[in-house]
Each structure stands twice: as C-alpha cells, then as structure tokens.
N, C-alpha and C. Protein backbone atom coordinates (compact mmCIF):
# COMPACT_ATOMS: atom_id res chain seq x y z
N UNK A 1 23.71 -79.45 42.76
CA UNK A 1 22.32 -78.15 42.66
C UNK A 1 21.41 -79.13 41.65
N UNK A 2 20.37 -78.86 42.62
CA UNK A 2 19.16 -79.77 42.40
C UNK A 2 18.28 -79.31 40.41
N UNK A 3 19.02 -78.62 40.73
CA UNK A 3 18.37 -78.17 38.45
C UNK A 3 19.49 -78.70 37.67
N UNK A 4 20.74 -79.47 37.82
CA UNK A 4 21.31 -81.23 37.68
C UNK A 4 20.30 -82.02 37.45
N UNK A 5 19.06 -81.87 38.25
CA UNK A 5 19.37 -83.48 38.80
C UNK A 5 18.37 -83.62 38.24
N UNK A 6 18.29 -85.46 36.91
CA UNK A 6 17.31 -85.21 36.78
C UNK A 6 15.15 -85.65 36.72
N UNK A 7 15.77 -86.52 38.21
CA UNK A 7 14.24 -85.73 39.74
C UNK A 7 13.37 -84.87 39.20
N UNK A 8 14.59 -84.05 39.32
CA UNK A 8 14.04 -82.07 38.90
C UNK A 8 13.57 -81.80 37.78
N UNK A 9 13.52 -82.81 36.53
CA UNK A 9 13.09 -81.35 35.81
C UNK A 9 11.79 -81.17 35.45
N UNK A 10 10.80 -82.76 35.76
CA UNK A 10 9.53 -82.22 35.42
C UNK A 10 8.75 -80.97 36.17
N UNK A 11 8.87 -81.19 36.64
CA UNK A 11 8.50 -80.17 37.97
C UNK A 11 9.18 -78.62 37.30
N UNK A 12 10.42 -78.68 36.36
CA UNK A 12 11.14 -77.24 36.32
C UNK A 12 10.96 -76.89 35.20
N UNK A 13 10.47 -78.08 34.11
CA UNK A 13 9.87 -77.77 32.56
C UNK A 13 7.92 -77.32 32.64
N UNK A 14 7.69 -77.73 33.77
CA UNK A 14 6.24 -77.24 34.18
C UNK A 14 6.01 -75.84 34.25
N UNK A 15 6.63 -75.65 35.26
CA UNK A 15 6.60 -74.58 35.77
C UNK A 15 7.01 -73.43 34.82
N UNK A 16 8.32 -74.24 34.15
CA UNK A 16 8.62 -72.72 32.62
C UNK A 16 7.67 -72.78 32.36
N UNK A 17 6.85 -74.32 31.73
CA UNK A 17 5.90 -73.99 30.54
C UNK A 17 4.37 -72.75 31.04
N UNK A 18 4.09 -72.92 32.81
CA UNK A 18 3.11 -71.98 33.57
C UNK A 18 4.21 -70.66 32.93
N UNK A 19 5.59 -70.23 33.99
CA UNK A 19 5.49 -68.84 33.59
C UNK A 19 6.21 -68.21 32.24
N UNK A 20 6.20 -69.04 31.26
CA UNK A 20 6.13 -68.59 29.05
C UNK A 20 4.34 -67.33 29.42
N UNK A 21 3.96 -69.30 29.49
CA UNK A 21 2.29 -68.82 29.43
C UNK A 21 1.67 -68.20 29.70
N UNK A 22 2.11 -67.61 30.90
CA UNK A 22 1.68 -65.95 32.13
C UNK A 22 2.24 -65.21 31.10
N UNK A 23 3.60 -65.54 31.12
CA UNK A 23 3.90 -64.12 29.99
C UNK A 23 4.02 -63.57 29.02
N UNK A 24 3.79 -64.15 27.97
CA UNK A 24 2.80 -64.52 26.29
C UNK A 24 1.75 -63.89 26.15
N UNK A 25 1.23 -64.12 27.23
CA UNK A 25 -0.37 -63.84 27.81
C UNK A 25 -0.92 -62.45 28.44
N UNK A 26 0.07 -62.04 29.35
CA UNK A 26 0.20 -60.83 29.98
C UNK A 26 1.10 -59.89 28.91
N UNK A 27 1.84 -60.22 28.49
CA UNK A 27 2.02 -59.36 26.80
C UNK A 27 1.44 -58.58 25.74
N UNK A 28 1.17 -59.98 25.07
CA UNK A 28 0.25 -60.71 24.37
C UNK A 28 -1.15 -59.90 24.27
N UNK A 29 -2.14 -59.89 25.53
CA UNK A 29 -2.71 -58.78 25.66
C UNK A 29 -2.24 -57.60 26.88
N UNK A 30 -1.94 -57.77 27.34
CA UNK A 30 -1.17 -56.25 28.51
C UNK A 30 -0.68 -54.95 27.76
N UNK A 31 0.44 -55.40 27.68
CA UNK A 31 1.70 -54.46 27.27
C UNK A 31 1.54 -54.51 26.11
N UNK A 32 2.70 -55.40 25.14
CA UNK A 32 2.12 -55.26 23.06
C UNK A 32 1.10 -54.51 22.09
N UNK A 33 -0.46 -54.53 23.00
CA UNK A 33 -0.94 -53.03 22.06
C UNK A 33 -0.57 -52.01 22.73
N UNK A 34 -0.65 -52.16 24.27
CA UNK A 34 -0.50 -50.74 24.89
C UNK A 34 0.63 -50.25 23.73
N UNK A 35 2.12 -50.62 24.07
CA UNK A 35 3.64 -50.56 23.00
C UNK A 35 2.76 -50.43 21.82
N UNK A 36 2.27 -50.46 20.98
CA UNK A 36 1.49 -51.27 19.44
C UNK A 36 0.79 -48.93 19.67
N UNK A 37 -0.27 -48.86 20.89
CA UNK A 37 -1.25 -48.00 20.32
C UNK A 37 -0.09 -47.20 20.29
N UNK A 38 0.62 -46.76 21.41
CA UNK A 38 1.90 -45.83 21.50
C UNK A 38 2.69 -45.54 20.17
N UNK A 39 2.58 -46.81 19.51
CA UNK A 39 3.53 -46.37 17.92
C UNK A 39 2.64 -46.31 17.38
N UNK A 40 1.49 -46.67 17.46
CA UNK A 40 0.34 -45.55 15.98
C UNK A 40 0.30 -44.38 16.65
N UNK A 41 -0.51 -43.89 17.61
CA UNK A 41 0.21 -42.43 18.18
C UNK A 41 0.72 -41.98 16.95
N UNK A 42 1.99 -43.01 17.56
CA UNK A 42 3.23 -41.20 17.74
C UNK A 42 3.63 -41.46 15.62
N UNK A 43 3.36 -42.18 14.80
CA UNK A 43 3.74 -42.50 13.54
C UNK A 43 2.25 -41.82 12.86
N UNK A 44 1.42 -41.77 13.52
CA UNK A 44 -0.07 -40.95 12.67
C UNK A 44 0.75 -39.50 13.64
N UNK A 45 1.14 -39.39 14.75
CA UNK A 45 1.00 -37.41 14.88
C UNK A 45 2.55 -36.80 13.94
N UNK A 46 3.75 -37.81 13.43
CA UNK A 46 4.33 -37.67 12.76
C UNK A 46 4.06 -38.05 10.93
N UNK A 47 2.49 -38.73 10.54
CA UNK A 47 2.21 -37.66 9.70
C UNK A 47 1.48 -37.02 9.06
N UNK A 48 0.97 -36.37 10.72
CA UNK A 48 -0.05 -35.05 10.54
C UNK A 48 1.14 -34.09 10.60
N UNK A 49 2.44 -34.46 11.35
CA UNK A 49 3.80 -33.34 11.20
C UNK A 49 4.72 -32.74 9.21
N UNK A 50 4.25 -34.04 9.68
CA UNK A 50 4.71 -34.04 6.82
C UNK A 50 3.53 -33.28 6.66
N UNK A 51 1.99 -34.01 7.02
CA UNK A 51 1.59 -33.28 6.62
C UNK A 51 1.53 -30.92 6.77
N UNK A 52 1.78 -30.77 7.51
CA UNK A 52 1.07 -30.22 8.03
C UNK A 52 2.62 -28.55 7.63
N UNK A 53 4.47 -30.21 7.51
CA UNK A 53 5.25 -29.35 6.59
C UNK A 53 4.60 -29.10 5.09
N UNK A 54 4.27 -30.38 4.94
CA UNK A 54 3.78 -30.52 3.65
C UNK A 54 2.99 -28.89 3.11
N UNK A 55 1.70 -29.30 3.67
CA UNK A 55 1.39 -27.24 3.28
C UNK A 55 1.53 -25.87 3.87
N UNK A 56 3.34 -25.78 4.65
CA UNK A 56 4.00 -24.62 5.40
C UNK A 56 4.30 -24.68 4.32
N UNK A 57 4.72 -26.04 3.23
CA UNK A 57 5.90 -25.47 2.54
C UNK A 57 5.22 -24.93 1.13
N UNK A 58 4.10 -25.20 0.87
CA UNK A 58 3.11 -24.92 -0.22
C UNK A 58 2.96 -23.06 0.18
N UNK A 59 2.68 -22.96 1.28
CA UNK A 59 2.46 -21.89 1.61
C UNK A 59 3.38 -20.93 1.49
N UNK A 60 4.44 -21.43 1.81
CA UNK A 60 5.63 -20.68 1.49
C UNK A 60 6.50 -20.37 -0.28
N UNK A 61 5.71 -21.19 -0.29
CA UNK A 61 5.76 -21.16 -2.25
C UNK A 61 5.16 -20.03 -2.50
N UNK A 62 3.48 -20.00 -2.33
CA UNK A 62 3.05 -19.02 -2.59
C UNK A 62 3.56 -17.48 -2.33
N UNK A 63 4.23 -17.67 -0.86
CA UNK A 63 4.54 -15.93 -0.12
C UNK A 63 4.80 -15.95 -1.10
N UNK A 64 6.26 -17.17 -1.52
CA UNK A 64 7.66 -16.63 -2.83
C UNK A 64 7.18 -16.46 -3.63
N UNK A 65 6.18 -16.42 -4.21
CA UNK A 65 5.43 -16.31 -5.79
C UNK A 65 5.41 -15.04 -5.77
N UNK A 66 4.30 -14.76 -5.01
CA UNK A 66 3.90 -12.90 -4.88
C UNK A 66 4.91 -12.69 -4.60
N UNK A 67 5.58 -12.58 -3.90
CA UNK A 67 6.54 -12.27 -3.36
C UNK A 67 7.60 -12.09 -4.16
N UNK A 68 7.38 -12.78 -5.13
CA UNK A 68 8.96 -12.46 -6.76
C UNK A 68 8.10 -11.18 -7.72
N UNK A 69 6.52 -11.67 -7.78
CA UNK A 69 5.51 -10.66 -8.58
C UNK A 69 5.46 -9.07 -7.47
N UNK A 70 5.31 -9.33 -7.14
CA UNK A 70 5.27 -7.86 -6.23
C UNK A 70 6.34 -6.57 -6.61
N UNK A 71 7.91 -7.34 -6.70
CA UNK A 71 9.03 -7.24 -6.59
C UNK A 71 9.06 -6.90 -8.02
N UNK A 72 9.16 -8.04 -8.84
CA UNK A 72 8.32 -7.86 -10.22
C UNK A 72 8.24 -6.76 -10.73
N UNK A 73 6.69 -6.00 -10.38
CA UNK A 73 5.91 -5.47 -10.95
C UNK A 73 6.41 -3.67 -10.74
N UNK A 74 7.07 -3.91 -8.85
CA UNK A 74 7.15 -2.78 -8.50
C UNK A 74 8.55 -2.44 -9.01
N UNK A 75 9.64 -2.70 -9.40
CA UNK A 75 10.81 -2.16 -10.75
C UNK A 75 9.88 -1.59 -11.97
N UNK A 76 9.24 -2.99 -12.34
CA UNK A 76 8.14 -2.66 -13.51
C UNK A 76 7.53 -1.07 -13.12
N UNK A 77 6.84 -0.94 -12.35
CA UNK A 77 7.14 0.59 -12.15
C UNK A 77 8.10 2.04 -11.49
N UNK A 78 8.41 1.09 -11.16
CA UNK A 78 10.10 1.80 -10.89
C UNK A 78 10.35 2.56 -12.09
N UNK A 79 10.72 1.47 -13.29
CA UNK A 79 11.19 1.63 -14.62
C UNK A 79 10.06 3.16 -15.50
N UNK A 80 8.88 2.44 -15.32
CA UNK A 80 8.26 3.68 -16.05
C UNK A 80 8.31 4.50 -15.28
N UNK A 81 8.24 4.72 -13.77
CA UNK A 81 8.46 5.86 -13.17
C UNK A 81 9.41 6.26 -13.64
N UNK A 82 11.03 6.01 -14.06
CA UNK A 82 11.63 6.57 -13.51
C UNK A 82 11.88 7.45 -15.46
N UNK A 83 11.61 6.23 -15.88
CA UNK A 83 10.89 6.32 -18.07
C UNK A 83 10.86 7.90 -17.90
N UNK A 84 9.31 7.90 -18.06
CA UNK A 84 8.64 8.08 -17.36
C UNK A 84 8.51 10.34 -17.07
N UNK A 85 9.81 10.64 -16.12
CA UNK A 85 10.59 11.17 -15.16
C UNK A 85 11.76 12.20 -16.26
N UNK A 86 12.11 11.28 -16.84
CA UNK A 86 13.56 11.40 -18.18
C UNK A 86 13.19 11.79 -19.12
N UNK A 87 12.03 11.45 -19.48
CA UNK A 87 10.97 11.57 -20.40
C UNK A 87 10.52 13.11 -20.88
N UNK A 88 9.93 13.72 -19.71
CA UNK A 88 9.43 15.30 -18.96
C UNK A 88 11.42 15.65 -18.57
N UNK A 89 11.54 15.76 -18.05
CA UNK A 89 12.88 16.28 -18.01
C UNK A 89 13.49 16.69 -19.21
N UNK A 90 13.87 15.50 -20.20
CA UNK A 90 13.91 16.08 -21.34
C UNK A 90 13.29 16.79 -21.42
N UNK A 91 12.45 16.83 -22.31
CA UNK A 91 10.41 17.98 -23.05
C UNK A 91 11.10 19.61 -21.69
N UNK A 92 11.11 19.20 -20.03
CA UNK A 92 12.22 20.71 -20.13
C UNK A 92 12.89 22.03 -20.45
N UNK A 93 14.23 20.21 -21.13
CA UNK A 93 15.27 20.96 -21.37
C UNK A 93 15.49 21.25 -21.87
N UNK A 94 14.40 20.58 -22.81
CA UNK A 94 14.16 21.11 -24.75
C UNK A 94 13.44 22.18 -25.21
N UNK A 95 12.54 22.53 -23.49
CA UNK A 95 12.28 23.79 -23.78
C UNK A 95 12.68 25.28 -23.70
N UNK A 96 13.78 24.94 -22.89
CA UNK A 96 14.53 25.43 -21.96
C UNK A 96 15.76 25.91 -22.80
N UNK A 97 16.18 25.08 -23.60
CA UNK A 97 16.63 25.21 -24.94
C UNK A 97 15.80 25.98 -25.67
N UNK A 98 15.61 26.07 -26.36
CA UNK A 98 13.64 26.41 -27.53
C UNK A 98 14.39 28.00 -27.47
N UNK A 99 13.78 28.24 -25.24
CA UNK A 99 13.70 29.76 -25.32
C UNK A 99 14.92 29.87 -24.94
N UNK A 100 16.24 29.94 -24.36
CA UNK A 100 17.86 29.81 -24.50
C UNK A 100 17.89 30.97 -26.27
N UNK A 101 17.67 30.14 -26.99
CA UNK A 101 18.07 30.12 -27.65
C UNK A 101 17.02 30.83 -28.60
N UNK A 102 15.84 31.28 -28.93
CA UNK A 102 15.40 32.39 -29.26
C UNK A 102 15.63 34.09 -28.17
N UNK A 103 15.61 33.63 -27.25
CA UNK A 103 16.36 34.67 -26.13
C UNK A 103 17.98 35.33 -27.01
N UNK A 104 18.54 34.34 -26.88
CA UNK A 104 19.91 34.97 -27.61
C UNK A 104 20.13 35.02 -28.35
N UNK A 105 19.08 34.99 -29.77
CA UNK A 105 18.95 35.15 -31.41
C UNK A 105 17.93 36.19 -31.10
N UNK A 106 17.53 36.74 -30.16
CA UNK A 106 17.16 38.23 -29.67
C UNK A 106 18.19 38.91 -29.29
N UNK A 107 19.02 38.74 -28.27
CA UNK A 107 20.15 38.96 -28.71
C UNK A 107 20.65 39.99 -29.57
N UNK A 108 21.09 38.53 -29.59
CA UNK A 108 22.27 38.81 -31.10
C UNK A 108 21.81 39.93 -32.38
N UNK A 109 20.45 40.04 -32.44
CA UNK A 109 19.34 40.33 -33.24
C UNK A 109 19.79 42.55 -32.96
N UNK A 110 20.00 41.33 -32.18
CA UNK A 110 19.41 43.19 -30.51
C UNK A 110 21.48 44.06 -31.04
N UNK A 111 21.92 43.82 -30.00
CA UNK A 111 23.03 43.33 -31.01
C UNK A 111 24.32 44.13 -32.25
N UNK A 112 23.78 42.78 -33.22
CA UNK A 112 24.18 44.04 -34.34
C UNK A 112 22.89 44.97 -34.65
N UNK A 113 21.95 44.92 -33.66
CA UNK A 113 20.79 46.41 -34.46
C UNK A 113 21.94 47.62 -33.94
N UNK A 114 22.21 47.50 -33.07
CA UNK A 114 23.11 48.34 -31.57
C UNK A 114 24.69 48.33 -32.81
N UNK A 115 25.43 47.13 -33.36
CA UNK A 115 26.47 47.62 -33.19
C UNK A 115 26.19 48.34 -34.83
N UNK A 116 25.92 48.25 -35.31
CA UNK A 116 25.31 49.12 -36.97
C UNK A 116 24.81 50.15 -36.66
N UNK A 117 23.84 49.76 -35.67
CA UNK A 117 24.19 51.68 -35.08
C UNK A 117 25.17 52.53 -34.90
N UNK A 118 25.66 52.31 -34.11
CA UNK A 118 26.94 51.69 -34.24
C UNK A 118 28.48 52.82 -34.32
N UNK A 119 28.31 51.69 -35.89
CA UNK A 119 28.60 52.41 -36.91
C UNK A 119 28.28 53.52 -37.67
N UNK A 120 26.95 53.41 -37.75
CA UNK A 120 26.15 54.31 -38.36
C UNK A 120 26.75 55.27 -37.93
N UNK A 121 27.12 55.96 -36.60
CA UNK A 121 27.11 57.05 -36.23
C UNK A 121 28.73 56.43 -35.90
N UNK A 122 29.59 56.00 -35.99
CA UNK A 122 30.96 56.77 -36.46
C UNK A 122 30.97 56.54 -37.59
N UNK A 123 30.53 56.36 -38.81
CA UNK A 123 31.33 56.73 -39.63
C UNK A 123 29.99 58.38 -40.06
N UNK A 124 29.32 58.49 -39.58
CA UNK A 124 28.72 59.91 -40.07
C UNK A 124 29.29 60.25 -38.69
N UNK A 125 30.39 61.15 -37.70
CA UNK A 125 31.18 60.70 -37.01
C UNK A 125 32.30 61.72 -37.88
N UNK A 126 32.70 61.02 -38.99
CA UNK A 126 34.04 59.79 -39.58
C UNK A 126 33.65 60.70 -40.54
N UNK A 127 32.44 61.30 -41.29
CA UNK A 127 32.70 62.67 -42.18
C UNK A 127 33.20 63.97 -41.81
N UNK A 128 31.98 64.24 -40.61
CA UNK A 128 31.89 65.09 -39.66
C UNK A 128 33.10 65.29 -39.75
N UNK A 129 34.75 64.38 -39.38
CA UNK A 129 35.46 64.47 -38.68
C UNK A 129 35.97 65.38 -39.93
N UNK A 130 35.76 64.55 -41.26
CA UNK A 130 37.18 64.31 -42.64
C UNK A 130 36.30 65.85 -43.50
N UNK A 131 35.22 66.32 -43.18
CA UNK A 131 35.18 67.37 -42.94
C UNK A 131 35.76 69.11 -42.87
N UNK A 132 35.71 68.72 -41.44
CA UNK A 132 35.68 69.28 -39.67
C UNK A 132 37.71 69.69 -40.24
N UNK A 133 38.17 68.52 -40.78
CA UNK A 133 39.68 68.27 -40.34
C UNK A 133 39.79 68.60 -42.18
N UNK A 134 38.97 68.40 -42.90
CA UNK A 134 39.54 68.89 -44.81
C UNK A 134 39.24 70.35 -44.47
N UNK A 135 38.80 70.82 -44.19
CA UNK A 135 37.88 72.65 -43.79
C UNK A 135 39.85 73.52 -43.06
N UNK A 136 39.50 72.09 -42.29
CA UNK A 136 40.47 73.55 -41.63
C UNK A 136 41.88 73.44 -42.65
N UNK A 137 42.55 72.14 -42.73
CA UNK A 137 43.41 71.46 -44.23
C UNK A 137 43.88 72.62 -44.44
N UNK A 138 42.71 73.06 -45.14
CA UNK A 138 41.98 74.17 -47.25
C UNK A 138 42.21 75.29 -45.90
N UNK A 139 41.77 76.03 -45.88
CA UNK A 139 41.35 77.11 -44.63
C UNK A 139 43.08 78.00 -44.60
N UNK A 140 43.42 76.52 -43.60
CA UNK A 140 45.15 76.86 -43.62
C UNK A 140 46.60 76.78 -44.48
N UNK A 141 45.63 76.00 -45.66
CA UNK A 141 47.37 75.93 -46.37
C UNK A 141 46.40 77.09 -47.99
N UNK A 142 44.90 77.48 -48.36
CA UNK A 142 44.33 78.66 -48.87
C UNK A 142 43.74 80.18 -48.24
N UNK A 143 44.21 79.98 -46.69
CA UNK A 143 43.73 80.80 -45.83
C UNK A 143 42.42 81.49 -45.44
N UNK A 144 41.36 80.60 -46.21
CA UNK A 144 40.09 81.99 -46.11
C UNK A 144 39.72 80.55 -46.14
N UNK A 145 38.13 80.18 -46.19
CA UNK A 145 37.17 78.72 -45.30
C UNK A 145 37.20 78.18 -46.53
N UNK A 146 36.90 77.31 -46.80
CA UNK A 146 36.82 77.02 -48.05
C UNK A 146 35.18 76.34 -48.57
N UNK A 147 34.74 76.80 -49.66
CA UNK A 147 32.87 76.09 -50.39
C UNK A 147 32.67 74.65 -49.52
N UNK A 148 31.60 75.06 -48.74
CA UNK A 148 31.00 73.86 -47.55
C UNK A 148 30.57 72.64 -49.07
N UNK A 149 29.98 72.67 -49.93
CA UNK A 149 29.23 71.67 -50.70
C UNK A 149 30.54 71.35 -51.30
N UNK A 150 31.95 71.75 -51.82
CA UNK A 150 32.53 71.04 -52.53
C UNK A 150 33.47 70.15 -51.68
N UNK A 151 34.15 70.59 -50.84
CA UNK A 151 33.71 69.73 -48.98
C UNK A 151 33.40 67.89 -49.38
N UNK A 152 32.29 68.43 -49.17
CA UNK A 152 31.06 68.03 -48.26
C UNK A 152 31.41 66.46 -49.81
N UNK A 153 31.90 67.39 -51.37
CA UNK A 153 31.79 66.37 -52.58
C UNK A 153 33.00 65.21 -52.20
N UNK A 154 33.67 65.93 -51.82
CA UNK A 154 35.29 65.16 -51.85
C UNK A 154 35.24 64.16 -50.47
N UNK A 155 34.87 64.89 -50.18
CA UNK A 155 34.54 64.04 -48.02
C UNK A 155 33.99 62.72 -49.20
N UNK A 156 32.24 62.90 -49.18
CA UNK A 156 32.12 61.95 -50.35
C UNK A 156 32.62 61.06 -50.62
N UNK A 157 33.56 61.22 -52.35
CA UNK A 157 34.23 60.80 -53.04
C UNK A 157 35.46 60.03 -52.01
N UNK A 158 36.20 60.16 -51.20
CA UNK A 158 36.98 59.43 -51.00
C UNK A 158 36.42 58.53 -49.88
N UNK A 159 35.35 58.13 -49.23
CA UNK A 159 34.23 57.81 -48.56
C UNK A 159 34.37 56.93 -49.58
N UNK A 160 34.19 57.20 -50.52
CA UNK A 160 33.22 56.46 -51.50
C UNK A 160 34.38 54.72 -51.94
N UNK A 161 35.06 55.45 -52.28
CA UNK A 161 36.24 54.94 -53.16
C UNK A 161 37.08 54.39 -51.84
N UNK A 162 36.74 54.87 -50.45
CA UNK A 162 37.37 54.03 -49.41
C UNK A 162 36.31 52.46 -48.73
N UNK A 163 34.17 52.43 -49.87
CA UNK A 163 34.43 51.18 -48.99
C UNK A 163 33.61 51.54 -47.95
N UNK A 164 32.48 52.81 -47.57
CA UNK A 164 32.55 52.96 -46.12
C UNK A 164 31.60 54.08 -47.62
C-alpha cells in the first residue's frame, strides 16, 4: 500500500493541505454565506410570523372584548325591555282589576237594589195575601164582609210584630 510508504508522505501531505485549503476557501466564500443567508431569511420569516401572530392575537382579544361588551349590553337591554314589559302588563292588569271591581260593585249594588225591590214587592204581596186571607176567614167565620180598615190595621200590626 503506497499510502503507508514513508516516501509518499510528503506529496500526500502537500495535496492534503491544498485540498483542505481549497475546500475551506470554497466553504467560507461560497457555501457558508449562502447557508447563512438562508438561515437569516428563515429567522426573519419566523420573526415576522411571530409578530403577525402577536398582532392577530391582540386583534382577537379586542374582538372578544367587543363581543363580551356587546353581549353584556344586549343582556342589559333585554332585562330592561323585560322589566318595562312586566311593569306595563302589571299596570294593565291592575287597571283591568280596578275596572272589574268597579263593574262588580255596580252589579252587586244593582243586584241588592233588585233584591230589595223584590223583597218589597214580596212583602206587599204578603200584605195583600194576608188581607185577602184575613177577609176570607172573617167572612167565613162571621158570615159577612169584614171592615177593610180594621183588617188592614190588624195585618199591619201582625206584620209589625213579625218584624217586616
């Protein structure tokens, strides 16, 4: 093997040094700047993307805050509308109740008036029936017609005793 022969060591070391220096210069002047440029571009894109992500996050947080504010305003508005509607309905119910109570009071008063009139008519009928019965009884017992004034006085006294 010629590589292990000491006579060939000097030329091998020379060519090793030339090749190493050439590759080192090529790497330092051509390949490494391109790789560095690619890495720099990549880092710049990553930084831009992080900046955009931070900006979008801030916009999303602002949108969420606006949404929550609008939601709370909507809830407050809904509560006020419901409150107004319930107050209005309660007021209407109160008015209807008042009207119904007034109407019922009028009907009760009219009914009491009718009952009083019917009672008076019934008492007058009782008086007339009592007069007729008393007259018929006296006529049957005595055999003749009774004095109308005495009959009326007797019926009035009997009704007064009965509390009518």
